Amino acid sequence: MKQVFEKFEIEMRRGVMQLAVICLLDNEKYGYEIIKNLNESGLKVEEGTLYPLLRRLEGDELLTSRWETGGPRPRKYYVITDLGIEIRMSWLNTFKTLIDTVKQLESNIQDKGALNNAQ
């Protein structure tokens, strides 16, 4: 049972993480800021997960980046593109619809006590 739950959780987190990242990038942020913001929001993420995701989102033209080399260490800053803004709205709408659907389906569960115990 644990493996089934972990697999499901990983799949869910992947989609949520993409949405969360592009929700943070109306203003430029560098990697560590993004990690910090996500962790503070309750989405635990590590560098090994975030940077490949940022590269993928940039490759899909949802983000752009630029290097800032004027400080003590070079930093790569990311910001959402116009396409990313459009996609983000679609993803948010899809996510909200899925949440509403799950809530509606949850109301069909007969044993509410078992549901509360699982949380």
PDB file of N, CA and C in Angstrom:
ATOM      1  N   MET A   1       0.826  -1.196   0.000  1.00  0.00           N
ATOM      2  CA  MET A   1       0.000   0.000   0.000  1.00  0.00           C
ATOM      3  C   MET A   1       0.869   1.258   0.000  1.00  0.00           C
ATOM      4  N   LYS A   2       1.962   1.215   0.743  1.00  0.00           N
ATOM      5  CA  LYS A   2       2.842   2.380   0.835  1.00  0.00           C
ATOM      6  C   LYS A   2       3.403   2.755  -0.541  1.00  0.00           C
ATOM      7  N   GLN A   3       3.793   1.749  -1.334  1.00  0.00           N
ATOM      8  CA  GLN A   3       4.347   2.021  -2.659  1.00  0.00           C
ATOM      9  C   GLN A   3       3.315   2.659  -3.573  1.00  0.00           C
ATOM     10  N   VAL A   4       2.087   2.185  -3.504  1.00  0.00           N
ATOM     11  CA  VAL A   4       1.023   2.742  -4.335  1.00  0.00           C
ATOM     12  C   VAL A   4       0.792   4.204  -3.964  1.00  0.00           C
ATOM     13  N   PHE A   5       0.747   4.494  -2.669  1.00  0.00           N
ATOM     14  CA  PHE A   5       0.545   5.868  -2.209  1.00  0.00           C
ATOM     15  C   PHE A   5       1.706   6.754  -2.655  1.00  0.00           C
ATOM     16  N   GLU A   6       2.938   6.298  -2.470  1.00  0.00           N
ATOM     17  CA  GLU A   6       4.110   7.098  -2.824  1.00  0.00           C
ATOM     18  C   GLU A   6       4.154   7.390  -4.323  1.00  0.00           C
ATOM     19  N   LYS A   7       3.819   6.408  -5.135  1.00  0.00           N
ATOM     20  CA  LYS A   7       3.806   6.613  -6.582  1.00  0.00           C
ATOM     21  C   LYS A   7       2.775   7.676  -6.955  1.00  0.00           C
ATOM     22  N   PHE A   8       1.584   7.588  -6.380  1.00  0.00           N
ATOM     23  CA  PHE A   8       0.528   8.567  -6.639  1.00  0.00           C
ATOM     24  C   PHE A   8       0.967   9.959  -6.194  1.00  0.00           C
ATOM     25  N   GLU A   9       1.550  10.035  -5.010  1.00  0.00           N
ATOM     26  CA  GLU A   9       1.983  11.323  -4.477  1.00  0.00           C
ATOM     27  C   GLU A   9       3.043  11.966  -5.371  1.00  0.00           C
ATOM     28  N   ILE A  10       3.975  11.183  -5.861  1.00  0.00           N
ATOM     29  CA  ILE A  10       5.025  11.699  -6.746  1.00  0.00           C
ATOM     30  C   ILE A  10       4.412  12.262  -8.021  1.00  0.00           C
ATOM     31  N   GLU A  11       3.474  11.527  -8.610  1.00  0.00           N
ATOM     32  CA  GLU A  11       2.829  11.993  -9.836  1.00  0.00           C
ATOM     33  C   GLU A  11       2.055  13.288  -9.601  1.00  0.00           C
ATOM     34  N   MET A  12       1.351  13.363  -8.497  1.00  0.00           N
ATOM     35  CA  MET A  12       0.592  14.581  -8.179  1.00  0.00           C
ATOM     36  C   MET A  12       1.526  15.769  -7.950  1.00  0.00           C
ATOM     37  N   ARG A  13       2.602  15.546  -7.215  1.00  0.00           N
ATOM     38  CA  ARG A  13       3.532  16.628  -6.906  1.00  0.00           C
ATOM     39  C   ARG A  13       4.184  17.190  -8.170  1.00  0.00           C
ATOM     40  N   ARG A  14       4.445  16.352  -9.158  1.00  0.00           N
ATOM     41  CA  ARG A  14       5.069  16.837 -10.399  1.00  0.00           C
ATOM     42  C   ARG A  14       4.226  17.915 -11.054  1.00  0.00           C
ATOM     43  N   GLY A  15       2.945  17.643 -11.205  1.00  0.00           N
ATOM     44  CA  GLY A  15       2.061  18.630 -11.827  1.00  0.00           C
ATOM     45  C   GLY A  15       1.890  19.870 -10.982  1.00  0.00           C
ATOM     46  N   VAL A  16       1.715  19.673  -9.694  1.00  0.00           N
ATOM     47  CA  VAL A  16       1.531  20.809  -8.787  1.00  0.00           C
ATOM     48  C   VAL A  16       2.790  21.665  -8.750  1.00  0.00           C
ATOM     49  N   MET A  17       3.952  21.036  -8.801  1.00  0.00           N
ATOM     50  CA  MET A  17       5.213  21.776  -8.744  1.00  0.00           C
ATOM     51  C   MET A  17       5.364  22.687  -9.959  1.00  0.00           C
ATOM     52  N   GLN A  18       4.999  22.205 -11.143  1.00  0.00           N
ATOM     53  CA  GLN A  18       5.073  23.054 -12.338  1.00  0.00           C
ATOM     54  C   GLN A  18       4.183  24.287 -12.173  1.00  0.00           C
ATOM     55  N   LEU A  19       2.972  24.052 -11.730  1.00  0.00           N
ATOM     56  CA  LEU A  19       2.034  25.150 -11.534  1.00  0.00           C
ATOM     57  C   LEU A  19       2.535  26.114 -10.467  1.00  0.00           C
ATOM     58  N   ALA A  20       3.029  25.579  -9.365  1.00  0.00           N
ATOM     59  CA  ALA A  20       3.527  26.420  -8.270  1.00  0.00           C
ATOM     60  C   ALA A  20       4.680  27.308  -8.736  1.00  0.00           C
ATOM     61  N   VAL A  21       5.589  26.730  -9.502  1.00  0.00           N
ATOM     62  CA  VAL A  21       6.753  27.500  -9.962  1.00  0.00           C
ATOM     63  C   VAL A  21       6.315  28.654 -10.850  1.00  0.00           C
ATOM     64  N   ILE A  22       5.442  28.390 -11.819  1.00  0.00           N
ATOM     65  CA  ILE A  22       5.078  29.505 -12.692  1.00  0.00           C
ATOM     66  C   ILE A  22       4.173  30.520 -11.991  1.00  0.00           C
ATOM     67  N   CYS A  23       3.552  30.122 -10.893  1.00  0.00           N
ATOM     68  CA  CYS A  23       2.779  31.084 -10.096  1.00  0.00           C
ATOM     69  C   CYS A  23       3.695  32.040  -9.332  1.00  0.00           C
ATOM     70  N   LEU A  24       4.926  31.648  -9.106  1.00  0.00           N
ATOM     71  CA  LEU A  24       5.873  32.473  -8.351  1.00  0.00           C
ATOM     72  C   LEU A  24       6.648  33.467  -9.214  1.00  0.00           C
ATOM     73  N   LEU A  25       6.554  33.330 -10.535  1.00  0.00           N
ATOM     74  CA  LEU A  25       7.520  34.030 -11.375  1.00  0.00           C
ATOM     75  C   LEU A  25       6.970  35.210 -12.169  1.00  0.00           C
ATOM     76  N   ASP A  26       6.012  35.940 -11.603  1.00  0.00           N
ATOM     77  CA  ASP A  26       5.611  37.202 -12.233  1.00  0.00           C
ATOM     78  C   ASP A  26       6.760  38.204 -12.142  1.00  0.00           C
ATOM     79  N   ASN A  27       7.546  38.096 -11.089  1.00  0.00           N
ATOM     80  CA  ASN A  27       8.756  38.903 -10.921  1.00  0.00           C
ATOM     81  C   ASN A  27       9.953  37.964 -10.948  1.00  0.00           C
ATOM     82  N   GLU A  28      11.071  38.466 -11.419  1.00  0.00           N
ATOM     83  CA  GLU A  28      12.281  37.639 -11.521  1.00  0.00           C
ATOM     84  C   GLU A  28      12.693  37.073 -10.163  1.00  0.00           C
ATOM     85  N   LYS A  29      13.074  35.805 -10.193  1.00  0.00           N
ATOM     86  CA  LYS A  29      13.610  35.153  -8.999  1.00  0.00           C
ATOM     87  C   LYS A  29      14.717  34.213  -9.450  1.00  0.00           C
ATOM     88  N   TYR A  30      15.697  34.042  -8.591  1.00  0.00           N
ATOM     89  CA  TYR A  30      16.728  33.049  -8.883  1.00  0.00           C
ATOM     90  C   TYR A  30      16.391  31.769  -8.126  1.00  0.00           C
ATOM     91  N   GLY A  31      17.087  30.698  -8.478  1.00  0.00           N
ATOM     92  CA  GLY A  31      16.754  29.372  -7.985  1.00  0.00           C
ATOM     93  C   GLY A  31      16.552  29.258  -6.496  1.00  0.00           C
ATOM     94  N   TYR A  32      17.477  29.790  -5.718  1.00  0.00           N
ATOM     95  CA  TYR A  32      17.360  29.661  -4.262  1.00  0.00           C
ATOM     96  C   TYR A  32      16.106  30.359  -3.743  1.00  0.00           C
ATOM     97  N   GLU A  33      15.762  31.512  -4.317  1.00  0.00           N
ATOM     98  CA  GLU A  33      14.535  32.216  -3.911  1.00  0.00           C
ATOM     99  C   GLU A  33      13.297  31.361  -4.187  1.00  0.00           C
ATOM    100  N   ILE A  34      13.294  30.705  -5.339  1.00  0.00           N
ATOM    101  CA  ILE A  34      12.167  29.851  -5.709  1.00  0.00           C
ATOM    102  C   ILE A  34      12.047  28.693  -4.721  1.00  0.00           C
ATOM    103  N   ILE A  35      13.165  28.054  -4.425  1.00  0.00           N
ATOM    104  CA  ILE A  35      13.165  26.944  -3.465  1.00  0.00           C
ATOM    105  C   ILE A  35      12.643  27.419  -2.115  1.00  0.00           C
ATOM    106  N   LYS A  36      13.141  28.559  -1.667  1.00  0.00           N
ATOM    107  CA  LYS A  36      12.724  29.107  -0.376  1.00  0.00           C
ATOM    108  C   LYS A  36      11.218  29.389  -0.367  1.00  0.00           C
ATOM    109  N   ASN A  37      10.717  30.030  -1.423  1.00  0.00           N
ATOM    110  CA  ASN A  37       9.279  30.340  -1.509  1.00  0.00           C
ATOM    111  C   ASN A  37       8.432  29.065  -1.517  1.00  0.00           C
ATOM    112  N   LEU A  38       8.855  28.073  -2.263  1.00  0.00           N
ATOM    113  CA  LEU A  38       8.108  26.814  -2.320  1.00  0.00           C
ATOM    114  C   LEU A  38       8.108  26.122  -0.965  1.00  0.00           C
ATOM    115  N   ASN A  39       9.277  26.058  -0.330  1.00  0.00           N
ATOM    116  CA  ASN A  39       9.363  25.415   0.981  1.00  0.00           C
ATOM    117  C   ASN A  39       8.511  26.135   2.016  1.00  0.00           C
ATOM    118  N   GLU A  40       8.522  27.468   1.981  1.00  0.00           N
ATOM    119  CA  GLU A  40       7.695  28.249   2.908  1.00  0.00           C
ATOM    120  C   GLU A  40       6.206  28.031   2.658  1.00  0.00           C
ATOM    121  N   SER A  41       5.846  27.692   1.424  1.00  0.00           N
ATOM    122  CA  SER A  41       4.452  27.425   1.077  1.00  0.00           C
ATOM    123  C   SER A  41       4.026  25.998   1.421  1.00  0.00           C
ATOM    124  N   GLY A  42       4.981  25.183   1.852  1.00  0.00           N
ATOM    125  CA  GLY A  42       4.664  23.801   2.207  1.00  0.00           C
ATOM    126  C   GLY A  42       4.996  22.793   1.128  1.00  0.00           C
ATOM    127  N   LEU A  43       5.520  23.250  -0.001  1.00  0.00           N
ATOM    128  CA  LEU A  43       5.951  22.347  -1.061  1.00  0.00           C
ATOM    129  C   LEU A  43       7.457  22.158  -0.949  1.00  0.00           C
ATOM    130  N   LYS A  44       7.854  21.081  -0.342  1.00  0.00           N
ATOM    131  CA  LYS A  44       9.274  20.818  -0.165  1.00  0.00           C
ATOM    132  C   LYS A  44       9.895  20.432  -1.498  1.00  0.00           C
ATOM    133  N   VAL A  45      10.963  21.120  -1.862  1.00  0.00           N
ATOM    134  CA  VAL A  45      11.637  20.852  -3.130  1.00  0.00           C
ATOM    135  C   VAL A  45      13.131  21.006  -2.928  1.00  0.00           C
ATOM    136  N   GLU A  46      13.883  20.220  -3.667  1.00  0.00           N
ATOM    137  CA  GLU A  46      15.348  20.285  -3.610  1.00  0.00           C
ATOM    138  C   GLU A  46      15.871  20.770  -4.952  1.00  0.00           C
ATOM    139  N   GLU A  47      17.118  21.207  -4.950  1.00  0.00           N
ATOM    140  CA  GLU A  47      17.739  21.726  -6.162  1.00  0.00           C
ATOM    141  C   GLU A  47      17.682  20.714  -7.301  1.00  0.00           C
ATOM    142  N   GLY A  48      17.910  19.450  -6.981  1.00  0.00           N
ATOM    143  CA  GLY A  48      17.922  18.401  -7.997  1.00  0.00           C
ATOM    144  C   GLY A  48      16.583  18.191  -8.672  1.00  0.00           C
ATOM    145  N   THR A  49      15.533  18.697  -8.061  1.00  0.00           N
ATOM    146  CA  THR A  49      14.192  18.639  -8.657  1.00  0.00           C
ATOM    147  C   THR A  49      13.874  19.946  -9.366  1.00  0.00           C
ATOM    148  N   LEU A  50      14.220  21.064  -8.744  1.00  0.00           N
ATOM    149  CA  LEU A  50      13.831  22.363  -9.282  1.00  0.00           C
ATOM    150  C   LEU A  50      14.544  22.720 -10.585  1.00  0.00           C
ATOM    151  N   TYR A  51      15.854  22.571 -10.632  1.00  0.00           N
ATOM    152  CA  TYR A  51      16.584  23.063 -11.800  1.00  0.00           C
ATOM    153  C   TYR A  51      16.228  22.328 -13.091  1.00  0.00           C
ATOM    154  N   PRO A  52      16.055  21.014 -13.077  1.00  0.00           N
ATOM    155  CA  PRO A  52      15.570  20.368 -14.311  1.00  0.00           C
ATOM    156  C   PRO A  52      14.170  20.854 -14.710  1.00  0.00           C
ATOM    157  N   LEU A  53      13.315  21.117 -13.722  1.00  0.00           N
ATOM    158  CA  LEU A  53      11.980  21.642 -14.008  1.00  0.00           C
ATOM    159  C   LEU A  53      12.081  23.029 -14.640  1.00  0.00           C
ATOM    160  N   LEU A  54      12.922  23.890 -14.096  1.00  0.00           N
ATOM    161  CA  LEU A  54      13.104  25.230 -14.666  1.00  0.00           C
ATOM    162  C   LEU A  54      13.611  25.142 -16.109  1.00  0.00           C
ATOM    163  N   ARG A  55      14.563  24.248 -16.365  1.00  0.00           N
ATOM    164  CA  ARG A  55      15.073  24.078 -17.738  1.00  0.00           C
ATOM    165  C   ARG A  55      13.964  23.593 -18.677  1.00  0.00           C
ATOM    166  N   ARG A  56      13.127  22.674 -18.196  1.00  0.00           N
ATOM    167  CA  ARG A  56      12.031  22.150 -19.011  1.00  0.00           C
ATOM    168  C   ARG A  56      11.013  23.257 -19.306  1.00  0.00           C
ATOM    169  N   LEU A  57      10.645  24.030 -18.293  1.00  0.00           N
ATOM    170  CA  LEU A  57       9.696  25.132 -18.499  1.00  0.00           C
ATOM    171  C   LEU A  57      10.270  26.195 -19.434  1.00  0.00           C
ATOM    172  N   GLU A  58      11.566  26.428 -19.326  1.00  0.00           N
ATOM    173  CA  GLU A  58      12.211  27.381 -20.223  1.00  0.00           C
ATOM    174  C   GLU A  58      12.247  26.823 -21.645  1.00  0.00           C
ATOM    175  N   GLY A  59      12.529  25.543 -21.785  1.00  0.00           N
ATOM    176  CA  GLY A  59      12.523  24.906 -23.099  1.00  0.00           C
ATOM    177  C   GLY A  59      11.154  24.942 -23.755  1.00  0.00           C
ATOM    178  N   ASP A  60      10.097  24.907 -22.940  1.00  0.00           N
ATOM    179  CA  ASP A  60       8.722  25.012 -23.440  1.00  0.00           C
ATOM    180  C   ASP A  60       8.300  26.459 -23.655  1.00  0.00           C
ATOM    181  N   GLU A  61       9.235  27.378 -23.433  1.00  0.00           N
ATOM    182  CA  GLU A  61       9.032  28.818 -23.617  1.00  0.00           C
ATOM    183  C   GLU A  61       8.002  29.411 -22.658  1.00  0.00           C
ATOM    184  N   LEU A  62       7.853  28.778 -21.490  1.00  0.00           N
ATOM    185  CA  LEU A  62       6.968  29.303 -20.456  1.00  0.00           C
ATOM    186  C   LEU A  62       7.714  30.256 -19.533  1.00  0.00           C
ATOM    187  N   LEU A  63       9.034  30.139 -19.504  1.00  0.00           N
ATOM    188  CA  LEU A  63       9.913  31.000 -18.718  1.00  0.00           C
ATOM    189  C   LEU A  63      11.042  31.497 -19.598  1.00  0.00           C
ATOM    190  N   THR A  64      11.615  32.619 -19.200  1.00  0.00           N
ATOM    191  CA  THR A  64      12.893  33.053 -19.764  1.00  0.00           C
ATOM    192  C   THR A  64      13.848  33.237 -18.596  1.00  0.00           C
ATOM    193  N   SER A  65      15.114  33.303 -18.916  1.00  0.00           N
ATOM    194  CA  SER A  65      16.106  33.487 -17.853  1.00  0.00           C
ATOM    195  C   SER A  65      17.192  34.431 -18.328  1.00  0.00           C
ATOM    196  N   ARG A  66      17.903  34.947 -17.357  1.00  0.00           N
ATOM    197  CA  ARG A  66      19.071  35.786 -17.652  1.00  0.00           C
ATOM    198  C   ARG A  66      20.074  35.605 -16.517  1.00  0.00           C
ATOM    199  N   TRP A  67      21.338  35.742 -16.849  1.00  0.00           N
ATOM    200  CA  TRP A  67      22.395  35.645 -15.843  1.00  0.00           C
ATOM    201  C   TRP A  67      22.710  37.024 -15.299  1.00  0.00           C
ATOM    202  N   GLU A  68      22.873  37.107 -13.994  1.00  0.00           N
ATOM    203  CA  GLU A  68      23.329  38.329 -13.322  1.00  0.00           C
ATOM    204  C   GLU A  68      24.692  37.998 -12.728  1.00  0.00           C
ATOM    205  N   THR A  69      25.718  38.671 -13.218  1.00  0.00           N
ATOM    206  CA  THR A  69      27.081  38.359 -12.765  1.00  0.00           C
ATOM    207  C   THR A  69      27.705  39.478 -11.952  1.00  0.00           C
ATOM    208  N   GLY A  70      26.924  40.500 -11.626  1.00  0.00           N
ATOM    209  CA  GLY A  70      27.461  41.663 -10.922  1.00  0.00           C
ATOM    210  C   GLY A  70      27.669  41.462  -9.431  1.00  0.00           C
ATOM    211  N   GLY A  71      27.063  40.474  -8.840  1.00  0.00           N
ATOM    212  CA  GLY A  71      27.163  40.267  -7.398  1.00  0.00           C
ATOM    213  C   GLY A  71      28.324  39.358  -7.039  1.00  0.00           C
ATOM    214  N   PRO A  72      28.341  38.914  -5.785  1.00  0.00           N
ATOM    215  CA  PRO A  72      29.432  38.057  -5.320  1.00  0.00           C
ATOM    216  C   PRO A  72      29.474  36.706  -6.037  1.00  0.00           C
ATOM    217  N   ARG A  73      28.313  36.235  -6.522  1.00  0.00           N
ATOM    218  CA  ARG A  73      28.283  34.994  -7.300  1.00  0.00           C
ATOM    219  C   ARG A  73      27.252  35.139  -8.409  1.00  0.00           C
ATOM    220  N   PRO A  74      27.517  34.519  -9.550  1.00  0.00           N
ATOM    221  CA  PRO A  74      26.546  34.606 -10.649  1.00  0.00           C
ATOM    222  C   PRO A  74      25.223  33.941 -10.264  1.00  0.00           C
ATOM    223  N   ARG A  75      24.137  34.568 -10.692  1.00  0.00           N
ATOM    224  CA  ARG A  75      22.807  34.015 -10.434  1.00  0.00           C
ATOM    225  C   ARG A  75      22.009  34.041 -11.724  1.00  0.00           C
ATOM    226  N   LYS A  76      21.238  32.985 -11.924  1.00  0.00           N
ATOM    227  CA  LYS A  76      20.356  32.915 -13.071  1.00  0.00           C
ATOM    228  C   LYS A  76      18.950  33.249 -12.598  1.00  0.00           C
ATOM    229  N   TYR A  77      18.376  34.296 -13.161  1.00  0.00           N
ATOM    230  CA  TYR A  77      17.046  34.749 -12.798  1.00  0.00           C
ATOM    231  C   TYR A  77      16.023  34.265 -13.830  1.00  0.00           C
ATOM    232  N   TYR A  78      14.868  33.855 -13.323  1.00  0.00           N
ATOM    233  CA  TYR A  78      13.789  33.337 -14.159  1.00  0.00           C
ATOM    234  C   TYR A  78      12.562  34.223 -14.015  1.00  0.00           C
ATOM    235  N   VAL A  79      11.798  34.338 -15.108  1.00  0.00           N
ATOM    236  CA  VAL A  79      10.539  35.083 -15.099  1.00  0.00           C
ATOM    237  C   VAL A  79       9.602  34.442 -16.124  1.00  0.00           C
ATOM    238  N   ILE A  80       8.315  34.538 -15.865  1.00  0.00           N
ATOM    239  CA  ILE A  80       7.317  33.942 -16.745  1.00  0.00           C
ATOM    240  C   ILE A  80       7.210  34.739 -18.043  1.00  0.00           C
ATOM    241  N   THR A  81       6.937  34.051 -19.146  1.00  0.00           N
ATOM    242  CA  THR A  81       6.730  34.693 -20.450  1.00  0.00           C
ATOM    243  C   THR A  81       5.237  34.940 -20.667  1.00  0.00           C
ATOM    244  N   ASP A  82       4.912  35.626 -21.749  1.00  0.00           N
ATOM    245  CA  ASP A  82       3.499  35.831 -22.091  1.00  0.00           C
ATOM    246  C   ASP A  82       2.807  34.488 -22.332  1.00  0.00           C
ATOM    247  N   LEU A  83       3.496  33.581 -23.019  1.00  0.00           N
ATOM    248  CA  LEU A  83       2.940  32.244 -23.225  1.00  0.00           C
ATOM    249  C   LEU A  83       2.745  31.541 -21.884  1.00  0.00           C
ATOM    250  N   GLY A  84       3.711  31.696 -20.990  1.00  0.00           N
ATOM    251  CA  GLY A  84       3.609  31.101 -19.661  1.00  0.00           C
ATOM    252  C   GLY A  84       2.405  31.620 -18.891  1.00  0.00           C
ATOM    253  N   ILE A  85       2.105  32.896 -19.053  1.00  0.00           N
ATOM    254  CA  ILE A  85       0.938  33.483 -18.378  1.00  0.00           C
ATOM    255  C   ILE A  85      -0.347  32.842 -18.908  1.00  0.00           C
ATOM    256  N   GLU A  86      -0.428  32.666 -20.222  1.00  0.00           N
ATOM    257  CA  GLU A  86      -1.606  32.018 -20.820  1.00  0.00           C
ATOM    258  C   GLU A  86      -1.742  30.573 -20.334  1.00  0.00           C
ATOM    259  N   ILE A  87      -0.642  29.850 -20.360  1.00  0.00           N
ATOM    260  CA  ILE A  87      -0.647  28.444 -19.936  1.00  0.00           C
ATOM    261  C   ILE A  87      -0.986  28.349 -18.460  1.00  0.00           C
ATOM    262  N   ARG A  88      -0.433  29.255 -17.663  1.00  0.00           N
ATOM    263  CA  ARG A  88      -0.711  29.247 -16.223  1.00  0.00           C
ATOM    264  C   ARG A  88      -2.206  29.372 -15.957  1.00  0.00           C
ATOM    265  N   MET A  89      -2.882  30.261 -16.675  1.00  0.00           N
ATOM    266  CA  MET A  89      -4.324  30.417 -16.488  1.00  0.00           C
ATOM    267  C   MET A  89      -5.056  29.129 -16.832  1.00  0.00           C
ATOM    268  N   SER A  90      -4.648  28.484 -17.908  1.00  0.00           N
ATOM    269  CA  SER A  90      -5.264  27.217 -18.292  1.00  0.00           C
ATOM    270  C   SER A  90      -5.004  26.150 -17.246  1.00  0.00           C
ATOM    271  N   TRP A  91      -3.756  26.064 -16.769  1.00  0.00           N
ATOM    272  CA  TRP A  91      -3.409  25.071 -15.734  1.00  0.00           C
ATOM    273  C   TRP A  91      -4.194  25.327 -14.455  1.00  0.00           C
ATOM    274  N   LEU A  92      -4.309  26.599 -14.057  1.00  0.00           N
ATOM    275  CA  LEU A  92      -5.065  26.923 -12.844  1.00  0.00           C
ATOM    276  C   LEU A  92      -6.534  26.538 -12.989  1.00  0.00           C
ATOM    277  N   ASN A  93      -7.109  26.826 -14.146  1.00  0.00           N
ATOM    278  CA  ASN A  93      -8.502  26.449 -14.377  1.00  0.00           C
ATOM    279  C   ASN A  93      -8.673  24.936 -14.338  1.00  0.00           C
ATOM    280  N   THR A  94      -7.763  24.213 -14.973  1.00  0.00           N
ATOM    281  CA  THR A  94      -7.816  22.753 -14.958  1.00  0.00           C
ATOM    282  C   THR A  94      -7.671  22.233 -13.537  1.00  0.00           C
ATOM    283  N   PHE A  95      -6.736  22.792 -12.797  1.00  0.00           N
ATOM    284  CA  PHE A  95      -6.498  22.347 -11.419  1.00  0.00           C
ATOM    285  C   PHE A  95      -7.736  22.588 -10.551  1.00  0.00           C
ATOM    286  N   LYS A  96      -8.336  23.768 -10.684  1.00  0.00           N
ATOM    287  CA  LYS A  96      -9.539  24.082  -9.904  1.00  0.00           C
ATOM    288  C   LYS A  96     -10.693  23.147 -10.271  1.00  0.00           C
ATOM    289  N   THR A  97     -10.832  22.843 -11.549  1.00  0.00           N
ATOM    290  CA  THR A  97     -11.874  21.910 -11.988  1.00  0.00           C
ATOM    291  C   THR A  97     -11.641  20.527 -11.394  1.00  0.00           C
ATOM    292  N   LEU A  98     -10.388  20.087 -11.404  1.00  0.00           N
ATOM    293  CA  LEU A  98     -10.067  18.778 -10.819  1.00  0.00           C
ATOM    294  C   LEU A  98     -10.370  18.746  -9.328  1.00  0.00           C
ATOM    295  N   ILE A  99     -10.042  19.809  -8.623  1.00  0.00           N
ATOM    296  CA  ILE A  99     -10.328  19.876  -7.181  1.00  0.00           C
ATOM    297  C   ILE A  99     -11.835  19.787  -6.945  1.00  0.00           C
ATOM    298  N   ASP A 100     -12.599  20.553  -7.713  1.00  0.00           N
ATOM    299  CA  ASP A 100     -14.058  20.520  -7.570  1.00  0.00           C
ATOM    300  C   ASP A 100     -14.612  19.126  -7.863  1.00  0.00           C
ATOM    301  N   THR A 101     -14.069  18.486  -8.895  1.00  0.00           N
ATOM    302  CA  THR A 101     -14.529  17.144  -9.254  1.00  0.00           C
ATOM    303  C   THR A 101     -14.225  16.144  -8.146  1.00  0.00           C
ATOM    304  N   VAL A 102     -13.023  16.217  -7.600  1.00  0.00           N
ATOM    305  CA  VAL A 102     -12.657  15.300  -6.519  1.00  0.00           C
ATOM    306  C   VAL A 102     -13.547  15.538  -5.301  1.00  0.00           C
ATOM    307  N   LYS A 103     -13.814  16.780  -4.986  1.00  0.00           N
ATOM    308  CA  LYS A 103     -14.713  17.079  -3.853  1.00  0.00           C
ATOM    309  C   LYS A 103     -16.098  16.493  -4.091  1.00  0.00           C
ATOM    310  N   GLN A 104     -16.588  16.633  -5.317  1.00  0.00           N
ATOM    311  CA  GLN A 104     -17.906  16.087  -5.645  1.00  0.00           C
ATOM    312  C   GLN A 104     -17.888  14.563  -5.534  1.00  0.00           C
ATOM    313  N   LEU A 105     -16.853  13.927  -6.041  1.00  0.00           N
ATOM    314  CA  LEU A 105     -16.752  12.465  -5.972  1.00  0.00           C
ATOM    315  C   LEU A 105     -16.578  11.991  -4.534  1.00  0.00           C
ATOM    316  N   GLU A 106     -15.860  12.779  -3.748  1.00  0.00           N
ATOM    317  CA  GLU A 106     -15.641  12.443  -2.347  1.00  0.00           C
ATOM    318  C   GLU A 106     -16.962  12.354  -1.594  1.00  0.00           C
ATOM    319  N   SER A 107     -17.941  13.131  -2.004  1.00  0.00           N
ATOM    320  CA  SER A 107     -19.231  13.110  -1.323  1.00  0.00           C
ATOM    321  C   SER A 107     -19.949  11.770  -1.510  1.00  0.00           C
ATOM    322  N   ASN A 108     -19.508  10.976  -2.484  1.00  0.00           N
ATOM    323  CA  ASN A 108     -20.097   9.659  -2.717  1.00  0.00           C
ATOM    324  C   ASN A 108     -19.524   8.573  -1.818  1.00  0.00           C
ATOM    325  N   ILE A 109     -18.477   8.868  -1.087  1.00  0.00           N
ATOM    326  CA  ILE A 109     -17.843   7.858  -0.236  1.00  0.00           C
ATOM    327  C   ILE A 109     -18.786   7.538   0.918  1.00  0.00           C
ATOM    328  N   GLN A 110     -19.054   6.262   1.072  1.00  0.00           N
ATOM    329  CA  GLN A 110     -20.008   5.795   2.086  1.00  0.00           C
ATOM    330  C   GLN A 110     -19.455   5.914   3.495  1.00  0.00           C
ATOM    331  N   ASP A 111     -18.224   5.467   3.693  1.00  0.00           N
ATOM    332  CA  ASP A 111     -17.644   5.406   5.039  1.00  0.00           C
ATOM    333  C   ASP A 111     -16.815   6.655   5.295  1.00  0.00           C
ATOM    334  N   LYS A 112     -17.432   7.718   5.735  1.00  0.00           N
ATOM    335  CA  LYS A 112     -16.744   8.984   6.004  1.00  0.00           C
ATOM    336  C   LYS A 112     -15.686   8.846   7.095  1.00  0.00           C
ATOM    337  N   GLY A 113     -15.918   7.946   8.042  1.00  0.00           N
ATOM    338  CA  GLY A 113     -14.944   7.717   9.108  1.00  0.00           C
ATOM    339  C   GLY A 113     -13.630   7.198   8.573  1.00  0.00           C
ATOM    340  N   ALA A 114     -13.690   6.306   7.606  1.00  0.00           N
ATOM    341  CA  ALA A 114     -12.462   5.761   6.992  1.00  0.00           C
ATOM    342  C   ALA A 114     -11.716   6.853   6.244  1.00  0.00           C
ATOM    343  N   LEU A 115     -12.470   7.765   5.611  1.00  0.00           N
ATOM    344  CA  LEU A 115     -11.856   8.877   4.902  1.00  0.00           C
ATOM    345  C   LEU A 115     -11.116   9.786   5.865  1.00  0.00           C
ATOM    346  N   ASN A 116     -11.737  10.129   6.978  1.00  0.00           N
ATOM    347  CA  ASN A 116     -11.101  10.995   7.979  1.00  0.00           C
ATOM    348  C   ASN A 116      -9.897  10.332   8.607  1.00  0.00           C
ATOM    349  N   ASN A 117      -9.920   9.036   8.806  1.00  0.00           N
ATOM    350  CA  ASN A 117      -8.793   8.306   9.392  1.00  0.00           C
ATOM    351  C   ASN A 117      -7.612   8.237   8.444  1.00  0.00           C
ATOM    352  N   ALA A 118      -7.868   8.263   7.131  1.00  0.00           N
ATOM    353  CA  ALA A 118      -6.802   8.182   6.145  1.00  0.00           C
ATOM    354  C   ALA A 118      -6.007   9.478   6.068  1.00  0.00           C
ATOM    355  N   GLN A 119      -6.604  10.568   6.524  1.00  0.00           N
ATOM    356  CA  GLN A 119      -5.912  11.860   6.456  1.00  0.00           C
ATOM    357  C   GLN A 119      -5.017  11.957   7.603  1.00  0.00           C
TER     358      GLN A 119
END
